């Protein structure tokens, strides 16, 4: 089993007004590797792929001890594995994406 992973992440916080904080960021995970296949019917695992995740978050202070949080993430996975010829059950690359929204209310006392 051989795997090389490269990961990068960045995030920026901005406070345009005293009661609001805005966060925007992005992370990428790139993986390349190889392994020996003992079972030709086994689908290839996550050895070659890209994973992207941009994010945004807004926190608004409604009261001294009450903060409303709104968040958004976009998850994107790109499987770079290719189906090998000669295998009994080759698989196509598996890709997915998803938008995720979250909200929360934080009360401190």
Protein backbone atom coordinates (compact mmCIF):
# COMPACT_ATOMS: atom_id res chain seq x y z
CA UNK A 1 0.00 0.00 0.00
CA UNK A 2 1.42 3.39 -1.04
CA UNK A 3 -0.39 6.73 -0.61
CA UNK A 4 0.62 10.37 -0.97
CA UNK A 5 -1.74 12.99 0.47
CA UNK A 6 -1.57 16.76 0.00
CA UNK A 7 -3.86 18.97 2.10
CA UNK A 8 -4.37 22.74 1.99
CA UNK A 9 -6.81 24.82 4.01
CA UNK A 10 -7.36 28.53 4.42
CA UNK A 11 -9.94 30.65 6.19
CA UNK A 12 -10.52 34.39 6.63
CA UNK A 13 -12.54 36.13 9.34
CA UNK A 14 -13.99 39.61 8.82
CA UNK A 15 -15.88 41.65 11.39
CA UNK A 16 -17.61 44.40 9.37
CA UNK A 17 -19.65 45.60 12.38
CA UNK A 18 -19.31 44.97 16.11
CA UNK A 19 -22.14 42.40 16.27
CA UNK A 20 -21.39 40.38 13.10
CA UNK A 21 -18.53 38.06 12.16
CA UNK A 22 -18.17 36.64 8.65
CA UNK A 23 -15.94 33.65 7.85
CA UNK A 24 -15.05 32.32 4.40
CA UNK A 25 -12.66 29.46 3.68
CA UNK A 26 -11.62 26.63 1.39
CA UNK A 27 -9.86 23.30 1.84
CA UNK A 28 -8.56 20.74 -0.67
CA UNK A 29 -7.34 17.19 -0.08
CA UNK A 30 -5.53 15.50 -2.99
CA UNK A 31 -4.57 11.85 -2.72
CA UNK A 32 -2.57 9.59 -5.08
CA UNK A 33 -1.47 6.06 -4.44
CA UNK A 34 -1.62 2.38 -5.30
CA UNK A 35 -2.18 -0.98 -3.65
CA UNK A 36 -2.22 -4.65 -4.60
CA UNK A 37 -5.64 -6.04 -5.50
CA UNK A 38 -6.10 -9.59 -4.17
CA UNK A 39 -9.80 -9.86 -5.05
CA UNK A 40 -10.62 -8.80 -8.65
CA UNK A 41 -14.31 -8.25 -7.71
CA UNK A 42 -13.41 -5.74 -5.00
CA UNK A 43 -14.07 -2.12 -6.00
CA UNK A 44 -11.11 0.18 -5.84
CA UNK A 45 -10.81 2.10 -2.60
CA UNK A 46 -10.15 5.76 -2.04
CA UNK A 47 -6.55 5.92 -3.18
CA UNK A 48 -6.75 8.49 -6.00
CA UNK A 49 -9.13 11.34 -5.38
CA UNK A 50 -9.76 15.03 -4.77
CA UNK A 51 -11.93 16.39 -1.98
CA UNK A 52 -12.99 20.07 -2.11
CA UNK A 53 -14.80 21.94 0.65
CA UNK A 54 -15.53 25.68 0.48
CA UNK A 55 -17.34 27.16 3.48
CA UNK A 56 -19.04 30.32 4.70
CA UNK A 57 -20.29 31.25 8.16
CA UNK A 58 -22.05 34.30 9.57
CA UNK A 59 -22.39 34.89 13.33
CA UNK A 60 -24.72 37.67 14.48
CA UNK A 61 -24.82 38.77 18.11
CA UNK A 62 -28.52 39.34 18.81
CA UNK A 63 -28.03 40.17 22.49
CA UNK A 64 -25.09 40.24 24.92
CA UNK A 65 -25.24 36.46 25.51
CA UNK A 66 -27.17 35.32 22.42
CA UNK A 67 -25.48 34.59 19.06
CA UNK A 68 -27.19 33.32 15.90
CA UNK A 69 -24.94 31.28 13.57
CA UNK A 70 -25.62 30.56 9.88
CA UNK A 71 -23.31 28.28 7.92
CA UNK A 72 -22.90 26.76 4.45
CA UNK A 73 -20.54 24.04 3.18
CA UNK A 74 -20.20 22.55 -0.28
CA UNK A 75 -18.67 19.07 -0.33
CA UNK A 76 -17.27 17.80 -3.63
CA UNK A 77 -15.47 14.48 -4.01
CA UNK A 78 -13.88 13.40 -7.30
CA UNK A 79 -12.71 9.79 -7.52
CA UNK A 80 -9.85 9.49 -9.99
CA UNK A 81 -9.70 5.67 -9.99
CA UNK A 82 -10.12 4.10 -13.39
CA UNK A 83 -11.69 0.73 -14.06
CA UNK A 84 -8.97 -1.78 -14.87
CA UNK A 85 -9.44 -3.91 -17.96
CA UNK A 86 -9.66 -7.64 -17.39
CA UNK A 87 -11.36 -7.42 -13.99
CA UNK A 88 -14.63 -9.28 -13.54
CA UNK A 89 -16.47 -6.32 -11.98
CA UNK A 90 -14.73 -3.00 -12.72
CA UNK A 91 -16.30 0.09 -11.21
CA UNK A 92 -16.75 3.53 -12.64
CA UNK A 93 -15.31 6.53 -10.78
CA UNK A 94 -17.46 7.54 -7.79
CA UNK A 95 -18.18 11.26 -7.54
CA UNK A 96 -20.55 13.21 -5.33
CA UNK A 97 -21.35 16.75 -4.26
CA UNK A 98 -23.58 18.16 -1.55
CA UNK A 99 -24.70 21.55 -0.24
CA UNK A 100 -25.06 21.65 3.55
CA UNK A 101 -26.68 24.50 5.45
CA UNK A 102 -26.62 24.81 9.22
CA UNK A 103 -28.03 27.21 11.75
CA UNK A 104 -27.64 27.41 15.51
CA UNK A 105 -28.43 29.64 18.41
CA UNK A 106 -25.80 29.96 21.14
CA UNK A 107 -26.84 31.12 24.58
CA UNK A 108 -24.15 31.89 27.18
CA UNK A 109 -24.89 32.47 30.86
